[in-house]
Amino acid sequence: MGLFTGLATLPLAPVRGVVWIAERIHDEAHRQLYDPEVIKQRLEEVAEARESGELTEEEAAREEDELVRRLMSQGPPGGGLEV
């Protein structure tokens, strides 16, 4: 970026900063929702909560269904066809 371009686009710096932050927040939210390791950890927590009585069978089943749906929506690891 040249000096003139840098000076001309300086007023847009706050907007670029907000966009950058929004992208980071989006990436982290996506990771927490769809990362297989996070989902597996949550499945274990649901199983423990069911065993301890914190969740009813129906609540645990609903939670597990949602977690498995998220896990399956990612497809095979690496994003390609698994042979």
PDB file of N, CA and C in Angstrom:
ATOM      1  N   MET A   1       0.847  -1.157   0.000  1.00  0.00           N
ATOM      2  CA  MET A   1       0.000   0.000   0.000  1.00  0.00           C
ATOM      3  C   MET A   1       0.899   1.228   0.000  1.00  0.00           C
ATOM      4  N   GLY A   2       0.641   2.103  -0.936  1.00  0.00           N
ATOM      5  CA  GLY A   2       1.441   3.309  -1.037  1.00  0.00           C
ATOM      6  C   GLY A   2       1.033   4.349  -0.013  1.00  0.00           C
ATOM      7  N   LEU A   3       1.839   5.405   0.083  1.00  0.00           N
ATOM      8  CA  LEU A   3       1.589   6.473   1.044  1.00  0.00           C
ATOM      9  C   LEU A   3       0.242   7.140   0.770  1.00  0.00           C
ATOM     10  N   PHE A   4      -0.005   7.484  -0.497  1.00  0.00           N
ATOM     11  CA  PHE A   4      -1.254   8.155  -0.843  1.00  0.00           C
ATOM     12  C   PHE A   4      -2.460   7.261  -0.543  1.00  0.00           C
ATOM     13  N   THR A   5      -2.376   5.995  -0.921  1.00  0.00           N
ATOM     14  CA  THR A   5      -3.478   5.065  -0.676  1.00  0.00           C
ATOM     15  C   THR A   5      -3.709   4.904   0.824  1.00  0.00           C
ATOM     16  N   GLY A   6      -2.629   4.812   1.567  1.00  0.00           N
ATOM     17  CA  GLY A   6      -2.739   4.679   3.014  1.00  0.00           C
ATOM     18  C   GLY A   6      -3.419   5.873   3.646  1.00  0.00           C
ATOM     19  N   LEU A   7      -3.058   7.078   3.199  1.00  0.00           N
ATOM     20  CA  LEU A   7      -3.673   8.287   3.732  1.00  0.00           C
ATOM     21  C   LEU A   7      -5.129   8.415   3.293  1.00  0.00           C
ATOM     22  N   ALA A   8      -5.406   8.056   2.053  1.00  0.00           N
ATOM     23  CA  ALA A   8      -6.761   8.184   1.525  1.00  0.00           C
ATOM     24  C   ALA A   8      -7.728   7.204   2.199  1.00  0.00           C
ATOM     25  N   THR A   9      -7.233   6.036   2.567  1.00  0.00           N
ATOM     26  CA  THR A   9      -8.109   5.031   3.177  1.00  0.00           C
ATOM     27  C   THR A   9      -8.042   5.032   4.708  1.00  0.00           C
ATOM     28  N   LEU A  10      -7.290   5.949   5.290  1.00  0.00           N
ATOM     29  CA  LEU A  10      -7.161   6.022   6.748  1.00  0.00           C
ATOM     30  C   LEU A  10      -8.512   6.155   7.451  1.00  0.00           C
ATOM     31  N   PRO A  11      -9.444   6.941   6.937  1.00  0.00           N
ATOM     32  CA  PRO A  11     -10.745   7.032   7.620  1.00  0.00           C
ATOM     33  C   PRO A  11     -11.489   5.693   7.693  1.00  0.00           C
ATOM     34  N   LEU A  12     -11.151   4.745   6.849  1.00  0.00           N
ATOM     35  CA  LEU A  12     -11.813   3.435   6.870  1.00  0.00           C
ATOM     36  C   LEU A  12     -11.190   2.467   7.873  1.00  0.00           C
ATOM     37  N   ALA A  13     -10.105   2.871   8.521  1.00  0.00           N
ATOM     38  CA  ALA A  13      -9.408   1.976   9.447  1.00  0.00           C
ATOM     39  C   ALA A  13     -10.322   1.442  10.552  1.00  0.00           C
ATOM     40  N   PRO A  14     -11.157   2.263  11.178  1.00  0.00           N
ATOM     41  CA  PRO A  14     -12.045   1.702  12.211  1.00  0.00           C
ATOM     42  C   PRO A  14     -13.000   0.646  11.652  1.00  0.00           C
ATOM     43  N   VAL A  15     -13.495   0.855  10.437  1.00  0.00           N
ATOM     44  CA  VAL A  15     -14.392  -0.116   9.823  1.00  0.00           C
ATOM     45  C   VAL A  15     -13.654  -1.420   9.570  1.00  0.00           C
ATOM     46  N   ARG A  16     -12.437  -1.334   9.063  1.00  0.00           N
ATOM     47  CA  ARG A  16     -11.652  -2.550   8.828  1.00  0.00           C
ATOM     48  C   ARG A  16     -11.372  -3.278  10.136  1.00  0.00           C
ATOM     49  N   GLY A  17     -11.146  -2.511  11.212  1.00  0.00           N
ATOM     50  CA  GLY A  17     -10.927  -3.125  12.521  1.00  0.00           C
ATOM     51  C   GLY A  17     -12.150  -3.869  13.016  1.00  0.00           C
ATOM     52  N   VAL A  18     -13.321  -3.271  12.850  1.00  0.00           N
ATOM     53  CA  VAL A  18     -14.564  -3.913  13.271  1.00  0.00           C
ATOM     54  C   VAL A  18     -14.813  -5.169  12.442  1.00  0.00           C
ATOM     55  N   VAL A  19     -14.549  -5.104  11.148  1.00  0.00           N
ATOM     56  CA  VAL A  19     -14.729  -6.271  10.280  1.00  0.00           C
ATOM     57  C   VAL A  19     -13.778  -7.383  10.712  1.00  0.00           C
ATOM     58  N   TRP A  20     -12.542  -7.044  11.020  1.00  0.00           N
ATOM     59  CA  TRP A  20     -11.562  -8.034  11.452  1.00  0.00           C
ATOM     60  C   TRP A  20     -12.034  -8.722  12.739  1.00  0.00           C
ATOM     61  N   ILE A  21     -12.526  -7.921  13.700  1.00  0.00           N
ATOM     62  CA  ILE A  21     -13.009  -8.486  14.960  1.00  0.00           C
ATOM     63  C   ILE A  21     -14.214  -9.385  14.705  1.00  0.00           C
ATOM     64  N   ALA A  22     -15.128  -8.949  13.853  1.00  0.00           N
ATOM     65  CA  ALA A  22     -16.312  -9.757  13.543  1.00  0.00           C
ATOM     66  C   ALA A  22     -15.914 -11.085  12.913  1.00  0.00           C
ATOM     67  N   GLU A  23     -14.907 -11.073  12.052  1.00  0.00           N
ATOM     68  CA  GLU A  23     -14.441 -12.319  11.434  1.00  0.00           C
ATOM     69  C   GLU A  23     -13.853 -13.251  12.479  1.00  0.00           C
ATOM     70  N   ARG A  24     -13.090 -12.722  13.438  1.00  0.00           N
ATOM     71  CA  ARG A  24     -12.513 -13.555  14.497  1.00  0.00           C
ATOM     72  C   ARG A  24     -13.620 -14.164  15.361  1.00  0.00           C
ATOM     73  N   ILE A  25     -14.629 -13.361  15.695  1.00  0.00           N
ATOM     74  CA  ILE A  25     -15.744 -13.865  16.505  1.00  0.00           C
ATOM     75  C   ILE A  25     -16.480 -14.960  15.750  1.00  0.00           C
ATOM     76  N   HIS A  26     -16.717 -14.753  14.464  1.00  0.00           N
ATOM     77  CA  HIS A  26     -17.392 -15.760  13.641  1.00  0.00           C
ATOM     78  C   HIS A  26     -16.592 -17.058  13.611  1.00  0.00           C
ATOM     79  N   ASP A  27     -15.287 -16.947  13.394  1.00  0.00           N
ATOM     80  CA  ASP A  27     -14.434 -18.138  13.335  1.00  0.00           C
ATOM     81  C   ASP A  27     -14.472 -18.918  14.645  1.00  0.00           C
ATOM     82  N   GLU A  28     -14.414 -18.215  15.776  1.00  0.00           N
ATOM     83  CA  GLU A  28     -14.428 -18.893  17.072  1.00  0.00           C
ATOM     84  C   GLU A  28     -15.790 -19.532  17.340  1.00  0.00           C
ATOM     85  N   ALA A  29     -16.859 -18.835  17.004  1.00  0.00           N
ATOM     86  CA  ALA A  29     -18.202 -19.399  17.195  1.00  0.00           C
ATOM     87  C   ALA A  29     -18.366 -20.654  16.345  1.00  0.00           C
ATOM     88  N   HIS A  30     -17.904 -20.609  15.115  1.00  0.00           N
ATOM     89  CA  HIS A  30     -17.993 -21.776  14.234  1.00  0.00           C
ATOM     90  C   HIS A  30     -17.172 -22.930  14.799  1.00  0.00           C
ATOM     91  N   ARG A  31     -15.994 -22.626  15.318  1.00  0.00           N
ATOM     92  CA  ARG A  31     -15.153 -23.672  15.898  1.00  0.00           C
ATOM     93  C   ARG A  31     -15.854 -24.319  17.083  1.00  0.00           C
ATOM     94  N   GLN A  32     -16.447 -23.502  17.965  1.00  0.00           N
ATOM     95  CA  GLN A  32     -17.105 -24.052  19.144  1.00  0.00           C
ATOM     96  C   GLN A  32     -18.342 -24.862  18.781  1.00  0.00           C
ATOM     97  N   LEU A  33     -19.026 -24.488  17.707  1.00  0.00           N
ATOM     98  CA  LEU A  33     -20.231 -25.211  17.314  1.00  0.00           C
ATOM     99  C   LEU A  33     -19.931 -26.494  16.555  1.00  0.00           C
ATOM    100  N   TYR A  34     -18.881 -26.507  15.738  1.00  0.00           N
ATOM    101  CA  TYR A  34     -18.687 -27.613  14.807  1.00  0.00           C
ATOM    102  C   TYR A  34     -17.377 -28.377  14.960  1.00  0.00           C
ATOM    103  N   ASP A  35     -16.514 -27.985  15.877  1.00  0.00           N
ATOM    104  CA  ASP A  35     -15.260 -28.713  16.078  1.00  0.00           C
ATOM    105  C   ASP A  35     -15.586 -30.081  16.671  1.00  0.00           C
ATOM    106  N   PRO A  36     -15.168 -31.164  16.002  1.00  0.00           N
ATOM    107  CA  PRO A  36     -15.492 -32.513  16.498  1.00  0.00           C
ATOM    108  C   PRO A  36     -15.033 -32.768  17.932  1.00  0.00           C
ATOM    109  N   GLU A  37     -13.900 -32.242  18.314  1.00  0.00           N
ATOM    110  CA  GLU A  37     -13.408 -32.462  19.683  1.00  0.00           C
ATOM    111  C   GLU A  37     -14.299 -31.766  20.703  1.00  0.00           C
ATOM    112  N   VAL A  38     -14.747 -30.546  20.384  1.00  0.00           N
ATOM    113  CA  VAL A  38     -15.648 -29.819  21.284  1.00  0.00           C
ATOM    114  C   VAL A  38     -16.976 -30.560  21.400  1.00  0.00           C
ATOM    115  N   ILE A  39     -17.483 -31.078  20.287  1.00  0.00           N
ATOM    116  CA  ILE A  39     -18.751 -31.810  20.297  1.00  0.00           C
ATOM    117  C   ILE A  39     -18.618 -33.093  21.111  1.00  0.00           C
ATOM    118  N   LYS A  40     -17.527 -33.823  20.938  1.00  0.00           N
ATOM    119  CA  LYS A  40     -17.320 -35.060  21.702  1.00  0.00           C
ATOM    120  C   LYS A  40     -17.237 -34.763  23.199  1.00  0.00           C
ATOM    121  N   GLN A  41     -16.557 -33.671  23.550  1.00  0.00           N
ATOM    122  CA  GLN A  41     -16.467 -33.259  24.957  1.00  0.00           C
ATOM    123  C   GLN A  41     -17.861 -32.972  25.514  1.00  0.00           C
ATOM    124  N   ARG A  42     -18.672 -32.277  24.742  1.00  0.00           N
ATOM    125  CA  ARG A  42     -20.031 -31.940  25.180  1.00  0.00           C
ATOM    126  C   ARG A  42     -20.893 -33.203  25.306  1.00  0.00           C
ATOM    127  N   LEU A  43     -20.709 -34.164  24.393  1.00  0.00           N
ATOM    128  CA  LEU A  43     -21.442 -35.437  24.510  1.00  0.00           C
ATOM    129  C   LEU A  43     -21.105 -36.147  25.816  1.00  0.00           C
ATOM    130  N   GLU A  44     -19.839 -36.108  26.200  1.00  0.00           N
ATOM    131  CA  GLU A  44     -19.426 -36.716  27.465  1.00  0.00           C
ATOM    132  C   GLU A  44     -20.064 -35.984  28.644  1.00  0.00           C
ATOM    133  N   GLU A  45     -20.129 -34.647  28.558  1.00  0.00           N
ATOM    134  CA  GLU A  45     -20.742 -33.873  29.627  1.00  0.00           C
ATOM    135  C   GLU A  45     -22.237 -34.194  29.751  1.00  0.00           C
ATOM    136  N   VAL A  46     -22.912 -34.372  28.618  1.00  0.00           N
ATOM    137  CA  VAL A  46     -24.329 -34.718  28.630  1.00  0.00           C
ATOM    138  C   VAL A  46     -24.523 -36.089  29.270  1.00  0.00           C
ATOM    139  N   ALA A  47     -23.661 -37.044  28.930  1.00  0.00           N
ATOM    140  CA  ALA A  47     -23.765 -38.388  29.513  1.00  0.00           C
ATOM    141  C   ALA A  47     -23.577 -38.337  31.024  1.00  0.00           C
ATOM    142  N   GLU A  48     -22.611 -37.555  31.488  1.00  0.00           N
ATOM    143  CA  GLU A  48     -22.378 -37.423  32.927  1.00  0.00           C
ATOM    144  C   GLU A  48     -23.566 -36.757  33.617  1.00  0.00           C
ATOM    145  N   ALA A  49     -24.133 -35.723  32.962  1.00  0.00           N
ATOM    146  CA  ALA A  49     -25.290 -35.029  33.536  1.00  0.00           C
ATOM    147  C   ALA A  49     -26.499 -35.959  33.612  1.00  0.00           C
ATOM    148  N   ARG A  50     -26.656 -36.826  32.627  1.00  0.00           N
ATOM    149  CA  ARG A  50     -27.752 -37.802  32.639  1.00  0.00           C
ATOM    150  C   ARG A  50     -27.557 -38.773  33.805  1.00  0.00           C
ATOM    151  N   GLU A  51     -26.329 -39.270  33.956  1.00  0.00           N
ATOM    152  CA  GLU A  51     -26.047 -40.240  35.017  1.00  0.00           C
ATOM    153  C   GLU A  51     -26.242 -39.639  36.403  1.00  0.00           C
ATOM    154  N   SER A  52     -25.897 -38.359  36.546  1.00  0.00           N
ATOM    155  CA  SER A  52     -26.024 -37.718  37.861  1.00  0.00           C
ATOM    156  C   SER A  52     -27.432 -37.207  38.130  1.00  0.00           C
ATOM    157  N   GLY A  53     -28.299 -37.259  37.123  1.00  0.00           N
ATOM    158  CA  GLY A  53     -29.674 -36.825  37.312  1.00  0.00           C
ATOM    159  C   GLY A  53     -29.909 -35.354  37.016  1.00  0.00           C
ATOM    160  N   GLU A  54     -28.878 -34.646  36.561  1.00  0.00           N
ATOM    161  CA  GLU A  54     -29.037 -33.225  36.225  1.00  0.00           C
ATOM    162  C   GLU A  54     -29.929 -33.038  34.998  1.00  0.00           C
ATOM    163  N   LEU A  55     -29.912 -34.019  34.090  1.00  0.00           N
ATOM    164  CA  LEU A  55     -30.749 -33.981  32.894  1.00  0.00           C
ATOM    165  C   LEU A  55     -31.656 -35.198  32.884  1.00  0.00           C
ATOM    166  N   THR A  56     -32.882 -35.004  32.417  1.00  0.00           N
ATOM    167  CA  THR A  56     -33.778 -36.142  32.234  1.00  0.00           C
ATOM    168  C   THR A  56     -33.353 -36.878  30.972  1.00  0.00           C
ATOM    169  N   GLU A  57     -33.905 -38.069  30.784  1.00  0.00           N
ATOM    170  CA  GLU A  57     -33.601 -38.843  29.570  1.00  0.00           C
ATOM    171  C   GLU A  57     -33.992 -38.069  28.315  1.00  0.00           C
ATOM    172  N   GLU A  58     -35.150 -37.398  28.362  1.00  0.00           N
ATOM    173  CA  GLU A  58     -35.613 -36.648  27.189  1.00  0.00           C
ATOM    174  C   GLU A  58     -34.707 -35.467  26.883  1.00  0.00           C
ATOM    175  N   GLU A  59     -34.311 -34.729  27.919  1.00  0.00           N
ATOM    176  CA  GLU A  59     -33.421 -33.582  27.719  1.00  0.00           C
ATOM    177  C   GLU A  59     -32.075 -34.034  27.161  1.00  0.00           C
ATOM    178  N   ALA A  60     -31.554 -35.098  27.725  1.00  0.00           N
ATOM    179  CA  ALA A  60     -30.269 -35.613  27.269  1.00  0.00           C
ATOM    180  C   ALA A  60     -30.367 -36.103  25.827  1.00  0.00           C
ATOM    181  N   ALA A  61     -31.463 -36.774  25.491  1.00  0.00           N
ATOM    182  CA  ALA A  61     -31.642 -37.275  24.123  1.00  0.00           C
ATOM    183  C   ALA A  61     -31.716 -36.122  23.126  1.00  0.00           C
ATOM    184  N   ARG A  62     -32.441 -35.064  23.486  1.00  0.00           N
ATOM    185  CA  ARG A  62     -32.518 -33.895  22.596  1.00  0.00           C
ATOM    186  C   ARG A  62     -31.145 -33.264  22.390  1.00  0.00           C
ATOM    187  N   GLU A  63     -30.415 -33.108  23.480  1.00  0.00           N
ATOM    188  CA  GLU A  63     -29.076 -32.510  23.407  1.00  0.00           C
ATOM    189  C   GLU A  63     -28.145 -33.380  22.566  1.00  0.00           C
ATOM    190  N   GLU A  64     -28.183 -34.682  22.785  1.00  0.00           N
ATOM    191  CA  GLU A  64     -27.340 -35.589  22.023  1.00  0.00           C
ATOM    192  C   GLU A  64     -27.699 -35.572  20.540  1.00  0.00           C
ATOM    193  N   ASP A  65     -28.999 -35.535  20.234  1.00  0.00           N
ATOM    194  CA  ASP A  65     -29.427 -35.471  18.825  1.00  0.00           C
ATOM    195  C   ASP A  65     -28.862 -34.231  18.141  1.00  0.00           C
ATOM    196  N   GLU A  66     -28.933 -33.099  18.822  1.00  0.00           N
ATOM    197  CA  GLU A  66     -28.417 -31.850  18.248  1.00  0.00           C
ATOM    198  C   GLU A  66     -26.896 -31.936  18.049  1.00  0.00           C
ATOM    199  N   LEU A  67     -26.193 -32.476  19.022  1.00  0.00           N
ATOM    200  CA  LEU A  67     -24.732 -32.587  18.914  1.00  0.00           C
ATOM    201  C   LEU A  67     -24.332 -33.533  17.791  1.00  0.00           C
ATOM    202  N   VAL A  68     -25.020 -34.659  17.679  1.00  0.00           N
ATOM    203  CA  VAL A  68     -24.706 -35.614  16.613  1.00  0.00           C
ATOM    204  C   VAL A  68     -25.022 -34.999  15.250  1.00  0.00           C
ATOM    205  N   ARG A  69     -26.124 -34.236  15.164  1.00  0.00           N
ATOM    206  CA  ARG A  69     -26.470 -33.564  13.905  1.00  0.00           C
ATOM    207  C   ARG A  69     -25.345 -32.609  13.480  1.00  0.00           C
ATOM    208  N   ARG A  70     -24.839 -31.846  14.458  1.00  0.00           N
ATOM    209  CA  ARG A  70     -23.725 -30.930  14.142  1.00  0.00           C
ATOM    210  C   ARG A  70     -22.483 -31.695  13.720  1.00  0.00           C
ATOM    211  N   LEU A  71     -22.215 -32.787  14.415  1.00  0.00           N
ATOM    212  CA  LEU A  71     -21.036 -33.594  14.095  1.00  0.00           C
ATOM    213  C   LEU A  71     -21.143 -34.185  12.698  1.00  0.00           C
ATOM    214  N   MET A  72     -22.316 -34.693  12.344  1.00  0.00           N
ATOM    215  CA  MET A  72     -22.513 -35.317  11.034  1.00  0.00           C
ATOM    216  C   MET A  72     -22.572 -34.281   9.900  1.00  0.00           C
ATOM    217  N   SER A  73     -22.954 -33.064  10.199  1.00  0.00           N
ATOM    218  CA  SER A  73     -23.070 -32.043   9.159  1.00  0.00           C
ATOM    219  C   SER A  73     -21.709 -31.650   8.595  1.00  0.00           C
ATOM    220  N   GLN A  74     -20.658 -31.997   9.292  1.00  0.00           N
ATOM    221  CA  GLN A  74     -19.312 -31.650   8.834  1.00  0.00           C
ATOM    222  C   GLN A  74     -18.791 -32.591   7.761  1.00  0.00           C
ATOM    223  N   GLY A  75     -19.382 -33.763   7.614  1.00  0.00           N
ATOM    224  CA  GLY A  75     -18.894 -34.721   6.643  1.00  0.00           C
ATOM    225  C   GLY A  75     -17.630 -35.398   7.146  1.00  0.00           C
ATOM    226  N   PRO A  76     -16.963 -36.150   6.269  1.00  0.00           N
ATOM    227  CA  PRO A  76     -15.761 -36.861   6.700  1.00  0.00           C
ATOM    228  C   PRO A  76     -14.612 -35.889   6.988  1.00  0.00           C
ATOM    229  N   PRO A  77     -13.683 -36.293   7.859  1.00  0.00           N
ATOM    230  CA  PRO A  77     -12.529 -35.436   8.165  1.00  0.00           C
ATOM    231  C   PRO A  77     -11.772 -35.097   6.882  1.00  0.00           C
ATOM    232  N   GLY A  78     -11.305 -33.889   6.790  1.00  0.00           N
ATOM    233  CA  GLY A  78     -10.548 -33.471   5.611  1.00  0.00           C
ATOM    234  C   GLY A  78     -11.440 -32.929   4.515  1.00  0.00           C
ATOM    235  N   GLY A  79     -12.747 -33.046   4.649  1.00  0.00           N
ATOM    236  CA  GLY A  79     -13.688 -32.477   3.713  1.00  0.00           C
ATOM    237  C   GLY A  79     -13.864 -33.236   2.404  1.00  0.00           C
ATOM    238  N   GLY A  80     -13.182 -34.337   2.228  1.00  0.00           N
ATOM    239  CA  GLY A  80     -13.305 -35.079   0.982  1.00  0.00           C
ATOM    240  C   GLY A  80     -14.104 -36.348   1.172  1.00  0.00           C
ATOM    241  N   LEU A  81     -14.189 -37.120   0.130  1.00  0.00           N
ATOM    242  CA  LEU A  81     -14.882 -38.400   0.221  1.00  0.00           C
ATOM    243  C   LEU A  81     -13.976 -39.407   0.894  1.00  0.00           C
ATOM    244  N   GLU A  82     -14.547 -40.145   1.804  1.00  0.00           N
ATOM    245  CA  GLU A  82     -13.774 -41.156   2.510  1.00  0.00           C
ATOM    246  C   GLU A  82     -13.913 -42.476   1.763  1.00  0.00           C
ATOM    247  N   VAL A  83     -12.796 -43.081   1.437  1.00  0.00           N
ATOM    248  CA  VAL A  83     -12.824 -44.326   0.663  1.00  0.00           C
ATOM    249  C   VAL A  83     -12.313 -45.458   1.515  1.00  0.00           C
TER     250      VAL A  83
END
